[in-house]
C-alpha atoms as a PDB file:
ATOM      1  CA  MET A   1      19.970  -2.248 -10.019  1.00  0.00           C
ATOM      2  CA  ASP A   2      16.552  -2.144 -10.326  1.00  0.00           C
ATOM      3  CA  ILE A   3      14.102   1.007 -10.504  1.00  0.00           C
ATOM      4  CA  ASN A   4      12.249   0.331  -7.416  1.00  0.00           C
ATOM      5  CA  CYS A   5      15.207  -0.208  -5.398  1.00  0.00           C
ATOM      6  CA  LYS A   6      16.775   2.881  -6.608  1.00  0.00           C
ATOM      7  CA  LYS A   7      13.746   4.394  -5.417  1.00  0.00           C
ATOM      8  CA  CYS A   8      14.517   3.668  -1.977  1.00  0.00           C
ATOM      9  CA  ARG A   9      18.245   4.751  -2.178  1.00  0.00           C
ATOM     10  CA  THR A  10      17.298   7.895  -3.303  1.00  0.00           C
ATOM     11  CA  LEU A  11      15.373   8.660  -0.422  1.00  0.00           C
ATOM     12  CA  GLY A  12      17.382   6.506   2.545  1.00  0.00           C
ATOM     13  CA  GLU A  13      14.988   3.971   3.432  1.00  0.00           C
ATOM     14  CA  LYS A  14      12.853   1.364   2.513  1.00  0.00           C
ATOM     15  CA  LEU A  15       9.343   1.436   1.309  1.00  0.00           C
ATOM     16  CA  PHE A  16       9.207  -2.900   0.390  1.00  0.00           C
ATOM     17  CA  LEU A  17       8.618  -1.792  -3.347  1.00  0.00           C
ATOM     18  CA  LYS A  18      10.114  -5.240  -4.001  1.00  0.00           C
ATOM     19  CA  GLY A  19       8.004  -7.432  -1.457  1.00  0.00           C
ATOM     20  CA  GLU A  20      10.438 -10.780   0.057  1.00  0.00           C
ATOM     21  CA  LYS A  21      13.681  -9.267  -1.084  1.00  0.00           C
ATOM     22  CA  CYS A  22      13.543  -6.073   0.846  1.00  0.00           C
ATOM     23  CA  PHE A  23      13.722  -8.322   4.409  1.00  0.00           C
ATOM     24  CA  THR A  24      16.900 -10.130   2.623  1.00  0.00           C
ATOM     25  CA  PRO A  25      20.312  -9.173   3.048  1.00  0.00           C
ATOM     26  CA  LYS A  26      20.305  -8.675  -1.001  1.00  0.00           C
ATOM     27  CA  CYS A  27      18.618  -5.463  -0.469  1.00  0.00           C
ATOM     28  CA  PRO A  28      21.000  -2.642  -1.879  1.00  0.00           C
ATOM     29  CA  LEU A  29      19.768  -0.493   1.020  1.00  0.00           C
ATOM     30  CA  LEU A  30      21.913  -2.514   3.451  1.00  0.00           C
ATOM     31  CA  ARG A  31      24.341  -3.720   1.195  1.00  0.00           C
ATOM     32  CA  LYS A  32      25.746  -0.146   0.722  1.00  0.00           C
ATOM     33  CA  LYS A  33      25.535   2.412   3.085  1.00  0.00           C
ATOM     34  CA  GLU A  34      24.043   5.929   1.979  1.00  0.00           C
ATOM     35  CA  LYS A  35      27.159   8.916   2.194  1.00  0.00           C
ATOM     36  CA  ARG A  36      25.554  11.849   4.013  1.00  0.00           C
ATOM     37  CA  ARG A  37      24.173  14.495   2.210  1.00  0.00           C
ATOM     38  CA  ARG A  38      25.018  18.034   2.935  1.00  0.00           C
ATOM     39  CA  GLY A  39      22.292  20.177   4.417  1.00  0.00           C
ATOM     40  CA  SER A  40      20.426  17.067   6.336  1.00  0.00           C
ATOM     41  CA  LYS A  41      18.138  19.425   8.093  1.00  0.00           C
ATOM     42  CA  PHE A  42      14.827  20.030   6.299  1.00  0.00           C
ATOM     43  CA  THR A  43      12.883  23.158   6.422  1.00  0.00           C
ATOM     44  CA  PRO A  44       9.273  22.290   6.681  1.00  0.00           C
ATOM     45  CA  PHE A  45       8.295  23.206   3.303  1.00  0.00           C
ATOM     46  CA  LYS A  46      11.193  20.489   2.026  1.00  0.00           C
ATOM     47  CA  LYS A  47      10.416  17.988   4.408  1.00  0.00           C
ATOM     48  CA  GLN A  48       6.300  18.184   2.846  1.00  0.00           C
ATOM     49  CA  LEU A  49       7.927  17.648  -0.232  1.00  0.00           C
ATOM     50  CA  LEU A  50      10.097  14.549   0.910  1.00  0.00           C
ATOM     51  CA  GLU A  51       7.221  13.166   2.725  1.00  0.00           C
ATOM     52  CA  LYS A  52       4.957  13.607  -0.517  1.00  0.00           C
ATOM     53  CA  ARG A  53       7.389  11.923  -2.333  1.00  0.00           C
ATOM     54  CA  ARG A  54       7.732   8.700  -0.244  1.00  0.00           C
ATOM     55  CA  ILE A  55       4.099   8.677   0.171  1.00  0.00           C
ATOM     56  CA  LYS A  56       3.383   8.937  -3.677  1.00  0.00           C
ATOM     57  CA  LEU A  57       6.015   6.219  -4.176  1.00  0.00           C
ATOM     58  CA  TYR A  58       4.600   3.623  -1.815  1.00  0.00           C
ATOM     59  CA  TYR A  59       0.730   3.640  -3.009  1.00  0.00           C
ATOM     60  CA  GLY A  60       1.621   4.440  -6.460  1.00  0.00           C
ATOM     61  CA  THR A  61      -0.117   7.521  -6.930  1.00  0.00           C
ATOM     62  CA  SER A  62       0.105  10.483  -8.952  1.00  0.00           C
ATOM     63  CA  GLU A  63       0.219  13.794  -7.466  1.00  0.00           C
ATOM     64  CA  ARG A  64      -3.217  14.101  -8.732  1.00  0.00           C
ATOM     65  CA  GLN A  65      -4.246  11.169  -7.497  1.00  0.00           C
ATOM     66  CA  LEU A  66      -2.804  12.354  -3.905  1.00  0.00           C
ATOM     67  CA  LYS A  67      -4.599  15.731  -4.065  1.00  0.00           C
ATOM     68  CA  ARG A  68      -8.128  14.357  -4.524  1.00  0.00           C
ATOM     69  CA  PHE A  69      -7.422  11.377  -1.542  1.00  0.00           C
ATOM     70  CA  TYR A  70      -6.805  14.906   0.463  1.00  0.00           C
ATOM     71  CA  GLU A  71     -10.409  16.650  -0.610  1.00  0.00           C
ATOM     72  CA  MET A  72     -12.003  13.165   0.398  1.00  0.00           C
ATOM     73  CA  ALA A  73     -10.442  13.287   3.449  1.00  0.00           C
ATOM     74  CA  LEU A  74     -10.915  17.498   4.144  1.00  0.00           C
ATOM     75  CA  LYS A  75     -14.581  16.756   3.900  1.00  0.00           C
ATOM     76  CA  LYS A  76     -15.189  14.010   6.335  1.00  0.00           C
ATOM     77  CA  LYS A  77     -15.505  15.006  10.417  1.00  0.00           C
ATOM     78  CA  GLU A  78     -12.805  13.077  11.406  1.00  0.00           C
ATOM     79  CA  SER A  79      -9.021  14.329  11.864  1.00  0.00           C
ATOM     80  CA  THR A  80      -7.910  14.806   8.077  1.00  0.00           C
ATOM     81  CA  PRO A  81      -4.420  13.188   8.334  1.00  0.00           C
ATOM     82  CA  LEU A  82      -6.077  10.040   9.553  1.00  0.00           C
ATOM     83  CA  MET A  83      -9.227  10.444   7.259  1.00  0.00           C
ATOM     84  CA  LEU A  84      -6.245  10.196   4.453  1.00  0.00           C
ATOM     85  CA  ALA A  85      -4.401   7.470   5.842  1.00  0.00           C
ATOM     86  CA  GLN A  86      -7.485   5.566   5.836  1.00  0.00           C
ATOM     87  CA  LEU A  87      -8.417   6.306   2.231  1.00  0.00           C
ATOM     88  CA  LEU A  88      -5.137   5.576   0.821  1.00  0.00           C
ATOM     89  CA  GLU A  89      -5.546   1.976   2.817  1.00  0.00           C
ATOM     90  CA  SER A  90      -8.956   1.363   1.848  1.00  0.00           C
ATOM     91  CA  ARG A  91      -7.911   1.721  -1.763  1.00  0.00           C
ATOM     92  CA  LEU A  92      -8.307  -2.094  -3.481  1.00  0.00           C
ATOM     93  CA  ASP A  93      -4.722  -2.651  -4.298  1.00  0.00           C
ATOM     94  CA  SER A  94      -3.807  -1.548  -0.808  1.00  0.00           C
ATOM     95  CA  ILE A  95      -6.385  -4.095   0.465  1.00  0.00           C
ATOM     96  CA  ILE A  96      -4.863  -6.661  -1.320  1.00  0.00           C
ATOM     97  CA  PHE A  97      -1.523  -6.525   0.096  1.00  0.00           C
ATOM     98  CA  ARG A  98      -2.572  -6.343   3.593  1.00  0.00           C
ATOM     99  CA  LEU A  99      -4.227  -9.532   3.040  1.00  0.00           C
ATOM    100  CA  GLY A 100      -1.548 -11.269   2.020  1.00  0.00           C
ATOM    101  CA  PHE A 101      -2.529 -12.417  -1.858  1.00  0.00           C
ATOM    102  CA  ALA A 102       0.489 -10.008  -2.580  1.00  0.00           C
ATOM    103  CA  THR A 103       4.009  -9.627  -1.662  1.00  0.00           C
ATOM    104  CA  SER A 104       4.394  -5.905  -2.486  1.00  0.00           C
ATOM    105  CA  LYS A 105       2.174  -3.007  -3.255  1.00  0.00           C
ATOM    106  CA  ARG A 106       3.469  -2.807  -6.303  1.00  0.00           C
ATOM    107  CA  MET A 107       2.486  -6.746  -7.053  1.00  0.00           C
ATOM    108  CA  ALA A 108      -0.678  -6.120  -5.806  1.00  0.00           C
ATOM    109  CA  ARG A 109      -1.481  -2.617  -8.087  1.00  0.00           C
ATOM    110  CA  GLN A 110       0.094  -5.357 -11.059  1.00  0.00           C
ATOM    111  CA  LEU A 111      -2.444  -8.371 -10.351  1.00  0.00           C
ATOM    112  CA  VAL A 112      -5.620  -5.614  -9.784  1.00  0.00           C
ATOM    113  CA  SER A 113      -4.636  -3.752 -12.695  1.00  0.00           C
ATOM    114  CA  HIS A 114      -4.813  -7.274 -14.916  1.00  0.00           C
ATOM    115  CA  GLY A 115      -8.163  -8.141 -13.583  1.00  0.00           C
ATOM    116  CA  HIS A 116      -7.522 -11.075 -11.389  1.00  0.00           C
ATOM    117  CA  PHE A 117      -9.790 -10.096  -8.633  1.00  0.00           C
ATOM    118  CA  LEU A 118     -13.340  -9.760  -8.033  1.00  0.00           C
ATOM    119  CA  LEU A 119     -14.850  -7.050  -6.102  1.00  0.00           C
ATOM    120  CA  ASN A 120     -18.420  -7.986  -4.509  1.00  0.00           C
ATOM    121  CA  GLY A 121     -18.392 -10.839  -7.249  1.00  0.00           C
ATOM    122  CA  ARG A 122     -17.619  -8.814  -9.976  1.00  0.00           C
ATOM    123  CA  ARG A 123     -13.971  -8.235 -11.993  1.00  0.00           C
ATOM    124  CA  CYS A 124     -12.316  -5.124 -11.180  1.00  0.00           C
ATOM    125  CA  ASP A 125      -8.852  -3.798 -12.778  1.00  0.00           C
ATOM    126  CA  ILE A 126      -8.574  -0.420 -10.782  1.00  0.00           C
ATOM    127  CA  PRO A 127      -6.143  -0.404  -8.113  1.00  0.00           C
ATOM    128  CA  SER A 128      -7.439   2.896  -6.379  1.00  0.00           C
ATOM    129  CA  VAL A 129     -11.031   2.140  -6.096  1.00  0.00           C
ATOM    130  CA  ILE A 130     -11.818   2.572  -2.295  1.00  0.00           C
ATOM    131  CA  LEU A 131     -13.899  -0.163  -0.924  1.00  0.00           C
ATOM    132  CA  LYS A 132     -16.320   0.349   2.311  1.00  0.00           C
ATOM    133  CA  PRO A 133     -16.912  -2.033   5.224  1.00  0.00           C
ATOM    134  CA  ASN A 134     -18.943  -5.312   4.325  1.00  0.00           C
ATOM    135  CA  ASP A 135     -17.476  -5.406   0.869  1.00  0.00           C
ATOM    136  CA  LYS A 136     -16.210  -8.679  -0.711  1.00  0.00           C
ATOM    137  CA  ILE A 137     -13.103  -9.518  -2.358  1.00  0.00           C
ATOM    138  CA  SER A 138     -12.003 -12.802  -4.215  1.00  0.00           C
ATOM    139  CA  ILE A 139      -9.587 -13.991  -6.715  1.00  0.00           C
ATOM    140  CA  ARG A 140     -11.035 -15.345  -9.958  1.00  0.00           C
ATOM    141  CA  GLU A 141     -11.290 -18.853 -10.388  1.00  0.00           C
ATOM    142  CA  LYS A 142      -9.199 -18.980 -13.812  1.00  0.00           C
ATOM    143  CA  SER A 143      -7.055 -16.518 -11.905  1.00  0.00           C
ATOM    144  CA  LEU A 144      -6.223 -19.222  -9.453  1.00  0.00           C
ATOM    145  CA  LYS A 145      -4.210 -21.234 -11.643  1.00  0.00           C
ATOM    146  CA  LEU A 146      -1.809 -18.922 -12.763  1.00  0.00           C
ATOM    147  CA  LYS A 147       1.789 -19.431 -11.474  1.00  0.00           C
ATOM    148  CA  VAL A 148       1.375 -16.005  -9.628  1.00  0.00           C
ATOM    149  CA  PHE A 149      -0.880 -17.731  -7.092  1.00  0.00           C
ATOM    150  CA  ASP A 150       1.013 -21.323  -6.928  1.00  0.00           C
ATOM    151  CA  GLY A 151       1.511 -22.019  -2.819  1.00  0.00           C
ATOM    152  CA  LEU A 152      -0.489 -19.017  -1.989  1.00  0.00           C
ATOM    153  CA  LYS A 153      -2.883 -21.088   0.625  1.00  0.00           C
ATOM    154  CA  GLU A 154       0.124 -22.737   2.082  1.00  0.00           C
ATOM    155  CA  ARG A 155       1.696 -19.011   2.380  1.00  0.00           C
ATOM    156  CA  LEU A 156      -1.076 -17.808   4.092  1.00  0.00           C
ATOM    157  CA  LYS A 157      -1.259 -20.424   6.623  1.00  0.00           C
ATOM    158  CA  LYS A 158       1.490 -18.362   8.488  1.00  0.00           C
ATOM    159  CA  PHE A 159      -0.322 -15.210   7.971  1.00  0.00           C
ATOM    160  CA  THR A 160      -2.341 -12.821   9.681  1.00  0.00           C
ATOM    161  CA  PRO A 161      -4.025  -9.971   8.334  1.00  0.00           C
ATOM    162  CA  PRO A 162      -5.129  -6.545  10.013  1.00  0.00           C
ATOM    163  CA  SER A 163      -7.852  -6.956  12.695  1.00  0.00           C
ATOM    164  CA  TYR A 164     -10.148  -4.621  10.177  1.00  0.00           C
ATOM    165  CA  LEU A 165      -9.919  -7.620   7.290  1.00  0.00           C
ATOM    166  CA  GLU A 166     -11.750 -11.181   7.478  1.00  0.00           C
ATOM    167  CA  LEU A 167     -10.288 -13.434   5.781  1.00  0.00           C
ATOM    168  CA  ASP A 168     -11.248 -16.893   4.604  1.00  0.00           C
ATOM    169  CA  LYS A 169      -7.693 -18.642   3.718  1.00  0.00           C
ATOM    170  CA  GLU A 170      -9.635 -21.921   2.398  1.00  0.00           C
ATOM    171  CA  LYS A 171     -12.009 -20.175  -0.158  1.00  0.00           C
ATOM    172  CA  LEU A 172      -9.673 -17.224  -0.233  1.00  0.00           C
ATOM    173  CA  GLU A 173     -12.203 -14.857  -0.199  1.00  0.00           C
ATOM    174  CA  ALA A 174     -11.904 -11.357   2.526  1.00  0.00           C
ATOM    175  CA  LYS A 175     -14.357  -8.944   3.418  1.00  0.00           C
ATOM    176  CA  LEU A 176     -13.556  -5.529   4.726  1.00  0.00           C
ATOM    177  CA  VAL A 177     -15.307  -5.483   8.190  1.00  0.00           C
ATOM    178  CA  LYS A 178     -14.576  -1.698   9.058  1.00  0.00           C
ATOM    179  CA  ALA A 179     -12.271   0.920   8.154  1.00  0.00           C
ATOM    180  CA  PRO A 180      -8.874   0.371   8.133  1.00  0.00           C
ATOM    181  CA  GLN A 181      -7.167   0.953  11.861  1.00  0.00           C
ATOM    182  CA  ILE A 182      -3.960   2.995  10.997  1.00  0.00           C
ATOM    183  CA  GLU A 183      -2.188   2.658  14.295  1.00  0.00           C
ATOM    184  CA  GLU A 184      -2.161  -1.460  13.865  1.00  0.00           C
ATOM    185  CA  LEU A 185      -0.217  -0.659  10.462  1.00  0.00           C
ATOM    186  CA  ASN A 186       2.483   1.344  11.935  1.00  0.00           C
ATOM    187  CA  LEU A 187       2.995   3.128   8.577  1.00  0.00           C
ATOM    188  CA  PRO A 188       6.214   5.171   8.671  1.00  0.00           C
ATOM    189  CA  PHE A 189       4.770   8.691   7.345  1.00  0.00           C
ATOM    190  CA  ASP A 190       4.173  11.815   8.129  1.00  0.00           C
ATOM    191  CA  PHE A 191       0.553  12.137   7.003  1.00  0.00           C
ATOM    192  CA  GLN A 192       0.335  15.704   9.166  1.00  0.00           C
ATOM    193  CA  ALA A 193       2.759  17.226   6.554  1.00  0.00           C
ATOM    194  CA  ILE A 194       0.637  16.109   3.499  1.00  0.00           C
ATOM    195  CA  VAL A 195      -2.167  18.154   4.914  1.00  0.00           C
ATOM    196  CA  GLU A 196      -0.036  20.968   5.570  1.00  0.00           C
ATOM    197  CA  SER A 197       1.637  20.971   2.218  1.00  0.00           C
ATOM    198  CA  TYR A 198      -2.200  21.345   0.527  1.00  0.00           C
ATOM    199  CA  SER A 199      -3.739  24.096   3.287  1.00  0.00           C
END
């Protein structure tokens, strides 16, 4: 079994790490029911640890990176859990995924790491870089010839990005018009538990 599928099986829920496969009957989580574990009731501490693990797997962050995002969120005037979620969704790899340029977050991280995207006209290979409103994203001209981007324009015809992203489906260029609207994404995470774990 693929290592990413094992991560979902361990947590007992889909994290959509394999992109399109997660939406098909081939998903291992659907093919085999998880055995009920003893002591299903979680203590607050255990819940915090589990939530941390889920978020780190989903966003591909280390403990150190997640804590850094928490500290950044703590400095904001708004709700810390909301700011933490916005920061994670403002990462370049998260934006690439939300634009439909990649079918999974894992794929988005790989594509960014390999330098296939331009941020404000400059090549960027750092998945965790935080975007700000009016930042522009595009695919490098040389990269468009790669197989991984075959059929992208056709696939995007039926795709609608979140309202905080402006996407030119013909030019394959996009812009972050405002901070990510977390309520649109319906994220299955308890960001409050993460904040409490660091408090």
